[in-house]
Amino acid sequence: MEHGPHLAMPHAVLGDFLVDTAPNGSFPRIEVDRPVLTTWLVDPVFFLHHAQLDRLWWKWQHAKLGRLREYNGESSHRSGKEASLQDQLEMGVLAPAAEVGSVIDARSGILCYSYAY
């Protein structure tokens, strides 16, 4: 997902997805583990794009029995560490960190939602 659908949209849209400041420079800067990105915080396309990625993940999980708890690959970009359901998802100021295993099923835990097919 990362090198296909996830990155395809920002590279196609460009604009506020890939720039450091908004046109009027009024948005707050937020430090992330890559160059500082700011305007995506208020870009509706950003949120629609990530909602679609979440929906595709949900559909993939439910397309085959046993996929709901599949989680593998690298734990983070270029870390070399194998992913685990015990990996911590940092939520910044939005919420406390959560283990992947506690949120991998969108229908349970703190998430509690599903998508219509």
PDB file of N, CA and C in Angstrom:
ATOM      1  N   MET A   1       0.818  -1.199   0.000  1.00  0.00           N
ATOM      2  CA  MET A   1       0.000   0.000   0.000  1.00  0.00           C
ATOM      3  C   MET A   1       0.864   1.266   0.000  1.00  0.00           C
ATOM      4  N   GLU A   2       1.977   1.237   0.729  1.00  0.00           N
ATOM      5  CA  GLU A   2       2.764   2.455   0.894  1.00  0.00           C
ATOM      6  C   GLU A   2       3.290   3.000  -0.427  1.00  0.00           C
ATOM      7  N   HIS A   3       3.906   2.143  -1.226  1.00  0.00           N
ATOM      8  CA  HIS A   3       4.551   2.622  -2.448  1.00  0.00           C
ATOM      9  C   HIS A   3       3.623   2.608  -3.654  1.00  0.00           C
ATOM     10  N   GLY A   4       2.399   2.201  -3.480  1.00  0.00           N
ATOM     11  CA  GLY A   4       1.426   2.219  -4.564  1.00  0.00           C
ATOM     12  C   GLY A   4       0.345   3.242  -4.278  1.00  0.00           C
ATOM     13  N   PRO A   5      -0.816   2.783  -3.784  1.00  0.00           N
ATOM     14  CA  PRO A   5      -1.944   3.701  -3.566  1.00  0.00           C
ATOM     15  C   PRO A   5      -1.657   4.851  -2.607  1.00  0.00           C
ATOM     16  N   HIS A   6      -0.873   4.599  -1.561  1.00  0.00           N
ATOM     17  CA  HIS A   6      -0.651   5.665  -0.583  1.00  0.00           C
ATOM     18  C   HIS A   6       0.136   6.835  -1.173  1.00  0.00           C
ATOM     19  N   LEU A   7       1.217   6.566  -1.880  1.00  0.00           N
ATOM     20  CA  LEU A   7       2.043   7.643  -2.419  1.00  0.00           C
ATOM     21  C   LEU A   7       1.577   8.150  -3.775  1.00  0.00           C
ATOM     22  N   ALA A   8       0.750   7.382  -4.474  1.00  0.00           N
ATOM     23  CA  ALA A   8       0.312   7.783  -5.816  1.00  0.00           C
ATOM     24  C   ALA A   8      -0.468   9.102  -5.779  1.00  0.00           C
ATOM     25  N   MET A   9      -1.364   9.231  -4.841  1.00  0.00           N
ATOM     26  CA  MET A   9      -2.206  10.422  -4.782  1.00  0.00           C
ATOM     27  C   MET A   9      -1.412  11.699  -4.486  1.00  0.00           C
ATOM     28  N   PRO A  10      -0.579  11.730  -3.446  1.00  0.00           N
ATOM     29  CA  PRO A  10       0.187  12.958  -3.203  1.00  0.00           C
ATOM     30  C   PRO A  10       1.079  13.348  -4.379  1.00  0.00           C
ATOM     31  N   HIS A  11       1.663  12.366  -5.038  1.00  0.00           N
ATOM     32  CA  HIS A  11       2.522  12.693  -6.179  1.00  0.00           C
ATOM     33  C   HIS A  11       1.704  13.160  -7.375  1.00  0.00           C
ATOM     34  N   ALA A  12       0.473  12.742  -7.471  1.00  0.00           N
ATOM     35  CA  ALA A  12      -0.391  13.194  -8.566  1.00  0.00           C
ATOM     36  C   ALA A  12      -0.976  14.576  -8.272  1.00  0.00           C
ATOM     37  N   VAL A  13      -1.393  14.790  -7.036  1.00  0.00           N
ATOM     38  CA  VAL A  13      -2.039  16.045  -6.663  1.00  0.00           C
ATOM     39  C   VAL A  13      -1.030  17.178  -6.523  1.00  0.00           C
ATOM     40  N   LEU A  14       0.131  16.854  -5.929  1.00  0.00           N
ATOM     41  CA  LEU A  14       1.156  17.860  -5.606  1.00  0.00           C
ATOM     42  C   LEU A  14       0.528  18.937  -4.727  1.00  0.00           C
ATOM     43  N   GLY A  15       0.675  20.184  -5.071  1.00  0.00           N
ATOM     44  CA  GLY A  15       0.063  21.256  -4.301  1.00  0.00           C
ATOM     45  C   GLY A  15       0.335  21.142  -2.821  1.00  0.00           C
ATOM     46  N   ASP A  16      -0.691  21.258  -2.010  1.00  0.00           N
ATOM     47  CA  ASP A  16      -0.549  21.290  -0.561  1.00  0.00           C
ATOM     48  C   ASP A  16      -0.130  19.957   0.043  1.00  0.00           C
ATOM     49  N   PHE A  17      -0.214  18.877  -0.724  1.00  0.00           N
ATOM     50  CA  PHE A  17       0.238  17.603  -0.184  1.00  0.00           C
ATOM     51  C   PHE A  17       1.745  17.592   0.058  1.00  0.00           C
ATOM     52  N   LEU A  18       2.488  18.302  -0.757  1.00  0.00           N
ATOM     53  CA  LEU A  18       3.942  18.168  -0.708  1.00  0.00           C
ATOM     54  C   LEU A  18       4.693  19.445  -0.368  1.00  0.00           C
ATOM     55  N   VAL A  19       4.000  20.499   0.000  1.00  0.00           N
ATOM     56  CA  VAL A  19       4.706  21.742   0.298  1.00  0.00           C
ATOM     57  C   VAL A  19       4.822  21.954   1.799  1.00  0.00           C
ATOM     58  N   ASP A  20       5.725  22.843   2.158  1.00  0.00           N
ATOM     59  CA  ASP A  20       6.024  23.074   3.563  1.00  0.00           C
ATOM     60  C   ASP A  20       5.134  24.132   4.217  1.00  0.00           C
ATOM     61  N   THR A  21       4.605  25.040   3.451  1.00  0.00           N
ATOM     62  CA  THR A  21       3.762  26.077   4.043  1.00  0.00           C
ATOM     63  C   THR A  21       2.539  26.318   3.179  1.00  0.00           C
ATOM     64  N   ALA A  22       1.499  26.801   3.798  1.00  0.00           N
ATOM     65  CA  ALA A  22       0.278  27.153   3.081  1.00  0.00           C
ATOM     66  C   ALA A  22       0.524  28.436   2.278  1.00  0.00           C
ATOM     67  N   PRO A  23      -0.324  28.725   1.302  1.00  0.00           N
ATOM     68  CA  PRO A  23      -0.142  29.939   0.519  1.00  0.00           C
ATOM     69  C   PRO A  23      -0.022  31.204   1.359  1.00  0.00           C
ATOM     70  N   ASN A  24      -0.777  31.293   2.436  1.00  0.00           N
ATOM     71  CA  ASN A  24      -0.687  32.498   3.271  1.00  0.00           C
ATOM     72  C   ASN A  24       0.229  32.302   4.476  1.00  0.00           C
ATOM     73  N   GLY A  25       0.829  31.123   4.594  1.00  0.00           N
ATOM     74  CA  GLY A  25       1.790  30.861   5.664  1.00  0.00           C
ATOM     75  C   GLY A  25       1.202  30.883   7.062  1.00  0.00           C
ATOM     76  N   SER A  26      -0.107  30.691   7.207  1.00  0.00           N
ATOM     77  CA  SER A  26      -0.730  30.856   8.518  1.00  0.00           C
ATOM     78  C   SER A  26      -0.945  29.554   9.280  1.00  0.00           C
ATOM     79  N   PHE A  27      -0.645  28.424   8.688  1.00  0.00           N
ATOM     80  CA  PHE A  27      -0.904  27.168   9.378  1.00  0.00           C
ATOM     81  C   PHE A  27       0.247  26.806  10.306  1.00  0.00           C
ATOM     82  N   PRO A  28      -0.046  26.192  11.442  1.00  0.00           N
ATOM     83  CA  PRO A  28       1.016  25.841  12.387  1.00  0.00           C
ATOM     84  C   PRO A  28       1.920  24.749  11.821  1.00  0.00           C
ATOM     85  N   ARG A  29       3.173  24.803  12.186  1.00  0.00           N
ATOM     86  CA  ARG A  29       4.120  23.769  11.768  1.00  0.00           C
ATOM     87  C   ARG A  29       4.052  22.620  12.768  1.00  0.00           C
ATOM     88  N   ILE A  30       4.082  21.406  12.255  1.00  0.00           N
ATOM     89  CA  ILE A  30       4.057  20.231  13.113  1.00  0.00           C
ATOM     90  C   ILE A  30       5.251  19.362  12.744  1.00  0.00           C
ATOM     91  N   GLU A  31       6.025  18.973  13.728  1.00  0.00           N
ATOM     92  CA  GLU A  31       7.196  18.144  13.478  1.00  0.00           C
ATOM     93  C   GLU A  31       6.762  16.692  13.323  1.00  0.00           C
ATOM     94  N   VAL A  32       7.218  16.052  12.268  1.00  0.00           N
ATOM     95  CA  VAL A  32       6.985  14.629  12.034  1.00  0.00           C
ATOM     96  C   VAL A  32       8.327  13.998  11.722  1.00  0.00           C
ATOM     97  N   ASP A  33       8.339  12.684  11.477  1.00  0.00           N
ATOM     98  CA  ASP A  33       9.611  12.002  11.272  1.00  0.00           C
ATOM     99  C   ASP A  33      10.156  12.172   9.850  1.00  0.00           C
ATOM    100  N   ARG A  34       9.658  13.099   9.125  1.00  0.00           N
ATOM    101  CA  ARG A  34      10.154  13.458   7.797  1.00  0.00           C
ATOM    102  C   ARG A  34      10.114  14.980   7.707  1.00  0.00           C
ATOM    103  N   PRO A  35      10.480  15.579   6.588  1.00  0.00           N
ATOM    104  CA  PRO A  35      10.452  17.049   6.539  1.00  0.00           C
ATOM    105  C   PRO A  35       9.106  17.610   7.019  1.00  0.00           C
ATOM    106  N   VAL A  36       9.136  18.764   7.575  1.00  0.00           N
ATOM    107  CA  VAL A  36       7.948  19.388   8.153  1.00  0.00           C
ATOM    108  C   VAL A  36       6.887  19.598   7.076  1.00  0.00           C
ATOM    109  N   LEU A  37       5.714  19.089   7.347  1.00  0.00           N
ATOM    110  CA  LEU A  37       4.575  19.248   6.445  1.00  0.00           C
ATOM    111  C   LEU A  37       3.483  19.986   7.197  1.00  0.00           C
ATOM    112  N   THR A  38       2.835  20.928   6.578  1.00  0.00           N
ATOM    113  CA  THR A  38       1.824  21.675   7.314  1.00  0.00           C
ATOM    114  C   THR A  38       0.482  21.731   6.615  1.00  0.00           C
ATOM    115  N   THR A  39       0.435  22.000   5.356  1.00  0.00           N
ATOM    116  CA  THR A  39      -0.841  22.297   4.719  1.00  0.00           C
ATOM    117  C   THR A  39      -1.747  21.085   4.593  1.00  0.00           C
ATOM    118  N   TRP A  40      -1.214  19.897   4.655  1.00  0.00           N
ATOM    119  CA  TRP A  40      -2.086  18.736   4.590  1.00  0.00           C
ATOM    120  C   TRP A  40      -3.050  18.685   5.761  1.00  0.00           C
ATOM    121  N   LEU A  41      -2.734  19.376   6.830  1.00  0.00           N
ATOM    122  CA  LEU A  41      -3.617  19.399   7.997  1.00  0.00           C
ATOM    123  C   LEU A  41      -4.996  19.965   7.693  1.00  0.00           C
ATOM    124  N   VAL A  42      -5.099  20.804   6.682  1.00  0.00           N
ATOM    125  CA  VAL A  42      -6.371  21.436   6.357  1.00  0.00           C
ATOM    126  C   VAL A  42      -6.819  21.136   4.926  1.00  0.00           C
ATOM    127  N   ASP A  43      -6.217  20.162   4.301  1.00  0.00           N
ATOM    128  CA  ASP A  43      -6.557  19.818   2.918  1.00  0.00           C
ATOM    129  C   ASP A  43      -7.599  18.703   2.911  1.00  0.00           C
ATOM    130  N   PRO A  44      -8.832  18.982   2.464  1.00  0.00           N
ATOM    131  CA  PRO A  44      -9.869  17.941   2.449  1.00  0.00           C
ATOM    132  C   PRO A  44      -9.475  16.729   1.616  1.00  0.00           C
ATOM    133  N   VAL A  45      -8.701  16.928   0.556  1.00  0.00           N
ATOM    134  CA  VAL A  45      -8.269  15.804  -0.280  1.00  0.00           C
ATOM    135  C   VAL A  45      -7.402  14.844   0.531  1.00  0.00           C
ATOM    136  N   PHE A  46      -6.573  15.369   1.403  1.00  0.00           N
ATOM    137  CA  PHE A  46      -5.739  14.528   2.266  1.00  0.00           C
ATOM    138  C   PHE A  46      -6.617  13.580   3.089  1.00  0.00           C
ATOM    139  N   PHE A  47      -7.656  14.110   3.711  1.00  0.00           N
ATOM    140  CA  PHE A  47      -8.517  13.289   4.562  1.00  0.00           C
ATOM    141  C   PHE A  47      -9.353  12.309   3.748  1.00  0.00           C
ATOM    142  N   LEU A  48      -9.842  12.722   2.598  1.00  0.00           N
ATOM    143  CA  LEU A  48     -10.580  11.805   1.726  1.00  0.00           C
ATOM    144  C   LEU A  48      -9.673  10.674   1.257  1.00  0.00           C
ATOM    145  N   HIS A  49      -8.451  11.008   0.877  1.00  0.00           N
ATOM    146  CA  HIS A  49      -7.485  10.021   0.412  1.00  0.00           C
ATOM    147  C   HIS A  49      -7.195   8.984   1.505  1.00  0.00           C
ATOM    148  N   HIS A  50      -6.941   9.420   2.728  1.00  0.00           N
ATOM    149  CA  HIS A  50      -6.628   8.479   3.795  1.00  0.00           C
ATOM    150  C   HIS A  50      -7.854   7.701   4.269  1.00  0.00           C
ATOM    151  N   ALA A  51      -9.019   8.286   4.167  1.00  0.00           N
ATOM    152  CA  ALA A  51     -10.241   7.532   4.458  1.00  0.00           C
ATOM    153  C   ALA A  51     -10.414   6.408   3.438  1.00  0.00           C
ATOM    154  N   GLN A  52     -10.104   6.684   2.181  1.00  0.00           N
ATOM    155  CA  GLN A  52     -10.174   5.651   1.146  1.00  0.00           C
ATOM    156  C   GLN A  52      -9.140   4.555   1.390  1.00  0.00           C
ATOM    157  N   LEU A  53      -7.932   4.915   1.782  1.00  0.00           N
ATOM    158  CA  LEU A  53      -6.916   3.907   2.093  1.00  0.00           C
ATOM    159  C   LEU A  53      -7.373   3.022   3.246  1.00  0.00           C
ATOM    160  N   ASP A  54      -7.976   3.622   4.259  1.00  0.00           N
ATOM    161  CA  ASP A  54      -8.494   2.854   5.382  1.00  0.00           C
ATOM    162  C   ASP A  54      -9.594   1.904   4.920  1.00  0.00           C
ATOM    163  N   ARG A  55     -10.475   2.376   4.049  1.00  0.00           N
ATOM    164  CA  ARG A  55     -11.550   1.546   3.515  1.00  0.00           C
ATOM    165  C   ARG A  55     -10.995   0.378   2.697  1.00  0.00           C
ATOM    166  N   LEU A  56      -9.974   0.634   1.874  1.00  0.00           N
ATOM    167  CA  LEU A  56      -9.357  -0.445   1.096  1.00  0.00           C
ATOM    168  C   LEU A  56      -8.728  -1.485   2.013  1.00  0.00           C
ATOM    169  N   TRP A  57      -8.063  -1.022   3.070  1.00  0.00           N
ATOM    170  CA  TRP A  57      -7.486  -1.946   4.059  1.00  0.00           C
ATOM    171  C   TRP A  57      -8.586  -2.790   4.697  1.00  0.00           C
ATOM    172  N   TRP A  58      -9.690  -2.156   5.084  1.00  0.00           N
ATOM    173  CA  TRP A  58     -10.816  -2.860   5.706  1.00  0.00           C
ATOM    174  C   TRP A  58     -11.387  -3.916   4.752  1.00  0.00           C
ATOM    175  N   LYS A  59     -11.550  -3.521   3.481  1.00  0.00           N
ATOM    176  CA  LYS A  59     -12.082  -4.479   2.491  1.00  0.00           C
ATOM    177  C   LYS A  59     -11.127  -5.653   2.306  1.00  0.00           C
ATOM    178  N   TRP A  60      -9.820  -5.386   2.252  1.00  0.00           N
ATOM    179  CA  TRP A  60      -8.829  -6.448   2.114  1.00  0.00           C
ATOM    180  C   TRP A  60      -8.903  -7.393   3.318  1.00  0.00           C
ATOM    181  N   GLN A  61      -8.998  -6.833   4.519  1.00  0.00           N
ATOM    182  CA  GLN A  61      -9.075  -7.654   5.732  1.00  0.00           C
ATOM    183  C   GLN A  61     -10.276  -8.588   5.692  1.00  0.00           C
ATOM    184  N   HIS A  62     -11.390  -8.117   5.170  1.00  0.00           N
ATOM    185  CA  HIS A  62     -12.623  -8.891   5.209  1.00  0.00           C
ATOM    186  C   HIS A  62     -12.864  -9.731   3.962  1.00  0.00           C
ATOM    187  N   ALA A  63     -11.982  -9.672   2.983  1.00  0.00           N
ATOM    188  CA  ALA A  63     -12.145 -10.438   1.749  1.00  0.00           C
ATOM    189  C   ALA A  63     -11.785 -11.908   1.926  1.00  0.00           C
ATOM    190  N   LYS A  64     -11.023 -12.231   2.949  1.00  0.00           N
ATOM    191  CA  LYS A  64     -10.575 -13.608   3.147  1.00  0.00           C
ATOM    192  C   LYS A  64     -10.516 -13.903   4.644  1.00  0.00           C
ATOM    193  N   LEU A  65     -11.083 -15.016   5.042  1.00  0.00           N
ATOM    194  CA  LEU A  65     -11.082 -15.421   6.439  1.00  0.00           C
ATOM    195  C   LEU A  65      -9.644 -15.535   6.956  1.00  0.00           C
ATOM    196  N   GLY A  66      -9.374 -15.009   8.115  1.00  0.00           N
ATOM    197  CA  GLY A  66      -8.056 -15.095   8.728  1.00  0.00           C
ATOM    198  C   GLY A  66      -7.178 -13.879   8.496  1.00  0.00           C
ATOM    199  N   ARG A  67      -7.600 -12.961   7.631  1.00  0.00           N
ATOM    200  CA  ARG A  67      -6.779 -11.787   7.345  1.00  0.00           C
ATOM    201  C   ARG A  67      -6.897 -10.683   8.396  1.00  0.00           C
ATOM    202  N   LEU A  68      -7.902 -10.755   9.214  1.00  0.00           N
ATOM    203  CA  LEU A  68      -8.184  -9.654  10.126  1.00  0.00           C
ATOM    204  C   LEU A  68      -6.995  -9.285  11.014  1.00  0.00           C
ATOM    205  N   ARG A  69      -6.175 -10.276  11.372  1.00  0.00           N
ATOM    206  CA  ARG A  69      -5.048  -9.986  12.248  1.00  0.00           C
ATOM    207  C   ARG A  69      -3.708 -10.118  11.534  1.00  0.00           C
ATOM    208  N   GLU A  70      -3.728 -10.141  10.209  1.00  0.00           N
ATOM    209  CA  GLU A  70      -2.470 -10.172   9.454  1.00  0.00           C
ATOM    210  C   GLU A  70      -1.813  -8.801   9.507  1.00  0.00           C
ATOM    211  N   TYR A  71      -0.569  -8.803   9.863  1.00  0.00           N
ATOM    212  CA  TYR A  71       0.179  -7.552   9.959  1.00  0.00           C
ATOM    213  C   TYR A  71       1.649  -7.916   9.892  1.00  0.00           C
ATOM    214  N   ASN A  72       2.318  -7.540   8.806  1.00  0.00           N
ATOM    215  CA  ASN A  72       3.726  -7.893   8.671  1.00  0.00           C
ATOM    216  C   ASN A  72       4.457  -6.843   7.848  1.00  0.00           C
ATOM    217  N   GLY A  73       5.716  -7.072   7.624  1.00  0.00           N
ATOM    218  CA  GLY A  73       6.549  -6.108   6.932  1.00  0.00           C
ATOM    219  C   GLY A  73       7.403  -5.354   7.936  1.00  0.00           C
ATOM    220  N   GLU A  74       7.871  -4.181   7.557  1.00  0.00           N
ATOM    221  CA  GLU A  74       8.665  -3.368   8.475  1.00  0.00           C
ATOM    222  C   GLU A  74       7.754  -2.629   9.451  1.00  0.00           C
ATOM    223  N   SER A  75       8.220  -2.477  10.677  1.00  0.00           N
ATOM    224  CA  SER A  75       7.401  -1.793  11.683  1.00  0.00           C
ATOM    225  C   SER A  75       7.274  -0.303  11.387  1.00  0.00           C
ATOM    226  N   SER A  76       8.260   0.270  10.739  1.00  0.00           N
ATOM    227  CA  SER A  76       8.180   1.662  10.299  1.00  0.00           C
ATOM    228  C   SER A  76       9.116   1.830   9.108  1.00  0.00           C
ATOM    229  N   HIS A  77       8.934   2.895   8.384  1.00  0.00           N
ATOM    230  CA  HIS A  77       9.685   3.130   7.156  1.00  0.00           C
ATOM    231  C   HIS A  77      11.191   3.026   7.389  1.00  0.00           C
ATOM    232  N   ARG A  78      11.823   2.130   6.677  1.00  0.00           N
ATOM    233  CA  ARG A  78      13.281   1.903   6.707  1.00  0.00           C
ATOM    234  C   ARG A  78      13.826   1.548   8.086  1.00  0.00           C
ATOM    235  N   SER A  79      13.008   0.952   8.938  1.00  0.00           N
ATOM    236  CA  SER A  79      13.490   0.602  10.275  1.00  0.00           C
ATOM    237  C   SER A  79      14.250  -0.715  10.277  1.00  0.00           C
ATOM    238  N   GLY A  80      13.885  -1.626   9.374  1.00  0.00           N
ATOM    239  CA  GLY A  80      14.491  -2.946   9.369  1.00  0.00           C
ATOM    240  C   GLY A  80      13.922  -3.860  10.443  1.00  0.00           C
ATOM    241  N   LYS A  81      13.083  -3.322  11.317  1.00  0.00           N
ATOM    242  CA  LYS A  81      12.463  -4.100  12.395  1.00  0.00           C
ATOM    243  C   LYS A  81      11.151  -4.700  11.897  1.00  0.00           C
ATOM    244  N   GLU A  82      10.947  -5.985  12.174  1.00  0.00           N
ATOM    245  CA  GLU A  82       9.734  -6.677  11.757  1.00  0.00           C
ATOM    246  C   GLU A  82       8.506  -6.130  12.496  1.00  0.00           C
ATOM    247  N   ALA A  83       7.434  -5.930  11.767  1.00  0.00           N
ATOM    248  CA  ALA A  83       6.196  -5.426  12.354  1.00  0.00           C
ATOM    249  C   ALA A  83       5.595  -6.456  13.312  1.00  0.00           C
ATOM    250  N   SER A  84       4.919  -5.947  14.331  1.00  0.00           N
ATOM    251  CA  SER A  84       4.297  -6.789  15.344  1.00  0.00           C
ATOM    252  C   SER A  84       2.984  -6.146  15.781  1.00  0.00           C
ATOM    253  N   LEU A  85       2.043  -6.968  16.195  1.00  0.00           N
ATOM    254  CA  LEU A  85       0.781  -6.437  16.715  1.00  0.00           C
ATOM    255  C   LEU A  85       0.995  -5.659  18.011  1.00  0.00           C
ATOM    256  N   GLN A  86       2.186  -5.782  18.611  1.00  0.00           N
ATOM    257  CA  GLN A  86       2.508  -5.018  19.822  1.00  0.00           C
ATOM    258  C   GLN A  86       3.152  -3.662  19.498  1.00  0.00           C
ATOM    259  N   ASP A  87       3.403  -3.370  18.217  1.00  0.00           N
ATOM    260  CA  ASP A  87       3.957  -2.069  17.844  1.00  0.00           C
ATOM    261  C   ASP A  87       3.050  -0.957  18.347  1.00  0.00           C
ATOM    262  N   GLN A  88       3.654   0.144  18.741  1.00  0.00           N
ATOM    263  CA  GLN A  88       2.905   1.293  19.243  1.00  0.00           C
ATOM    264  C   GLN A  88       2.597   2.267  18.103  1.00  0.00           C
ATOM    265  N   LEU A  89       1.359   2.690  18.019  1.00  0.00           N
ATOM    266  CA  LEU A  89       0.950   3.724  17.079  1.00  0.00           C
ATOM    267  C   LEU A  89       0.904   5.036  17.851  1.00  0.00           C
ATOM    268  N   GLU A  90       1.790   5.932  17.505  1.00  0.00           N
ATOM    269  CA  GLU A  90       1.839   7.227  18.175  1.00  0.00           C
ATOM    270  C   GLU A  90       0.764   8.135  17.587  1.00  0.00           C
ATOM    271  N   MET A  91      -0.030   8.748  18.431  1.00  0.00           N
ATOM    272  CA  MET A  91      -1.137   9.589  17.993  1.00  0.00           C
ATOM    273  C   MET A  91      -0.874  11.076  18.252  1.00  0.00           C
ATOM    274  N   GLY A  92       0.317  11.395  18.712  1.00  0.00           N
ATOM    275  CA  GLY A  92       0.638  12.788  18.994  1.00  0.00           C
ATOM    276  C   GLY A  92      -0.283  13.360  20.054  1.00  0.00           C
ATOM    277  N   VAL A  93      -0.809  14.538  19.800  1.00  0.00           N
ATOM    278  CA  VAL A  93      -1.684  15.202  20.770  1.00  0.00           C
ATOM    279  C   VAL A  93      -3.138  14.747  20.653  1.00  0.00           C
ATOM    280  N   LEU A  94      -3.435  13.924  19.653  1.00  0.00           N
ATOM    281  CA  LEU A  94      -4.826  13.517  19.426  1.00  0.00           C
ATOM    282  C   LEU A  94      -5.332  12.474  20.408  1.00  0.00           C
ATOM    283  N   ALA A  95      -4.454  11.551  20.800  1.00  0.00           N
ATOM    284  CA  ALA A  95      -4.868  10.452  21.676  1.00  0.00           C
ATOM    285  C   ALA A  95      -3.620   9.768  22.221  1.00  0.00           C
ATOM    286  N   PRO A  96      -3.777   8.963  23.255  1.00  0.00           N
ATOM    287  CA  PRO A  96      -2.631   8.192  23.746  1.00  0.00           C
ATOM    288  C   PRO A  96      -2.183   7.173  22.702  1.00  0.00           C
ATOM    289  N   ALA A  97      -0.945   6.759  22.766  1.00  0.00           N
ATOM    290  CA  ALA A  97      -0.441   5.717  21.867  1.00  0.00           C
ATOM    291  C   ALA A  97      -1.276   4.452  22.048  1.00  0.00           C
ATOM    292  N   ALA A  98      -1.396   3.680  20.981  1.00  0.00           N
ATOM    293  CA  ALA A  98      -2.178   2.445  21.029  1.00  0.00           C
ATOM    294  C   ALA A  98      -1.388   1.332  20.351  1.00  0.00           C
ATOM    295  N   GLU A  99      -1.554   0.112  20.833  1.00  0.00           N
ATOM    296  CA  GLU A  99      -0.932  -1.034  20.171  1.00  0.00           C
ATOM    297  C   GLU A  99      -1.696  -1.327  18.889  1.00  0.00           C
ATOM    298  N   VAL A 100      -0.965  -1.738  17.864  1.00  0.00           N
ATOM    299  CA  VAL A 100      -1.591  -2.098  16.592  1.00  0.00           C
ATOM    300  C   VAL A 100      -2.686  -3.130  16.814  1.00  0.00           C
ATOM    301  N   GLY A 101      -2.402  -4.137  17.647  1.00  0.00           N
ATOM    302  CA  GLY A 101      -3.377  -5.195  17.901  1.00  0.00           C
ATOM    303  C   GLY A 101      -4.690  -4.705  18.473  1.00  0.00           C
ATOM    304  N   SER A 102      -4.670  -3.566  19.155  1.00  0.00           N
ATOM    305  CA  SER A 102      -5.908  -3.052  19.752  1.00  0.00           C
ATOM    306  C   SER A 102      -6.760  -2.270  18.758  1.00  0.00           C
ATOM    307  N   VAL A 103      -6.195  -1.926  17.608  1.00  0.00           N
ATOM    308  CA  VAL A 103      -6.955  -1.150  16.617  1.00  0.00           C
ATOM    309  C   VAL A 103      -6.986  -1.804  15.233  1.00  0.00           C
ATOM    310  N   ILE A 104      -6.434  -3.007  15.121  1.00  0.00           N
ATOM    311  CA  ILE A 104      -6.380  -3.644  13.805  1.00  0.00           C
ATOM    312  C   ILE A 104      -7.775  -4.048  13.314  1.00  0.00           C
ATOM    313  N   ASP A 105      -8.689  -4.302  14.224  1.00  0.00           N
ATOM    314  CA  ASP A 105     -10.080  -4.569  13.867  1.00  0.00           C
ATOM    315  C   ASP A 105     -10.875  -3.293  14.143  1.00  0.00           C
ATOM    316  N   ALA A 106     -11.278  -2.620  13.089  1.00  0.00           N
ATOM    317  CA  ALA A 106     -11.983  -1.335  13.220  1.00  0.00           C
ATOM    318  C   ALA A 106     -13.315  -1.470  13.950  1.00  0.00           C
ATOM    319  N   ARG A 107     -13.846  -2.684  14.022  1.00  0.00           N
ATOM    320  CA  ARG A 107     -15.152  -2.875  14.665  1.00  0.00           C
ATOM    321  C   ARG A 107     -15.071  -3.019  16.174  1.00  0.00           C
ATOM    322  N   SER A 108     -13.873  -3.041  16.730  1.00  0.00           N
ATOM    323  CA  SER A 108     -13.770  -3.238  18.174  1.00  0.00           C
ATOM    324  C   SER A 108     -12.857  -2.191  18.797  1.00  0.00           C
ATOM    325  N   GLY A 109     -12.753  -2.234  20.099  1.00  0.00           N
ATOM    326  CA  GLY A 109     -11.866  -1.327  20.818  1.00  0.00           C
ATOM    327  C   GLY A 109     -12.293   0.124  20.705  1.00  0.00           C
ATOM    328  N   ILE A 110     -11.311   1.003  20.627  1.00  0.00           N
ATOM    329  CA  ILE A 110     -11.609   2.430  20.622  1.00  0.00           C
ATOM    330  C   ILE A 110     -12.170   2.921  19.299  1.00  0.00           C
ATOM    331  N   LEU A 111     -12.058   2.146  18.233  1.00  0.00           N
ATOM    332  CA  LEU A 111     -12.519   2.602  16.918  1.00  0.00           C
ATOM    333  C   LEU A 111     -14.027   2.370  16.732  1.00  0.00           C
ATOM    334  N   CYS A 112     -14.448   1.109  16.721  1.00  0.00           N
ATOM    335  CA  CYS A 112     -15.866   0.741  16.676  1.00  0.00           C
ATOM    336  C   CYS A 112     -16.610   1.290  15.456  1.00  0.00           C
ATOM    337  N   TYR A 113     -16.130   0.998  14.256  1.00  0.00           N
ATOM    338  CA  TYR A 113     -16.829   1.383  13.027  1.00  0.00           C
ATOM    339  C   TYR A 113     -16.638   0.306  11.972  1.00  0.00           C
ATOM    340  N   SER A 114     -17.445   0.350  10.936  1.00  0.00           N
ATOM    341  CA  SER A 114     -17.278  -0.537   9.781  1.00  0.00           C
ATOM    342  C   SER A 114     -17.712   0.219   8.535  1.00  0.00           C
ATOM    343  N   TYR A 115     -17.430  -0.352   7.403  1.00  0.00           N
ATOM    344  CA  TYR A 115     -17.793   0.243   6.127  1.00  0.00           C
ATOM    345  C   TYR A 115     -18.889  -0.567   5.468  1.00  0.00           C
ATOM    346  N   ALA A 116     -19.713   0.098   4.693  1.00  0.00           N
ATOM    347  CA  ALA A 116     -20.689  -0.625   3.867  1.00  0.00           C
ATOM    348  C   ALA A 116     -19.939  -1.162   2.652  1.00  0.00           C
ATOM    349  N   TYR A 117     -20.286  -2.337   2.224  1.00  0.00           N
ATOM    350  CA  TYR A 117     -19.621  -2.881   1.032  1.00  0.00           C
ATOM    351  C   TYR A 117     -20.099  -2.131  -0.128  1.00  0.00           C
TER     352      TYR A 117
END
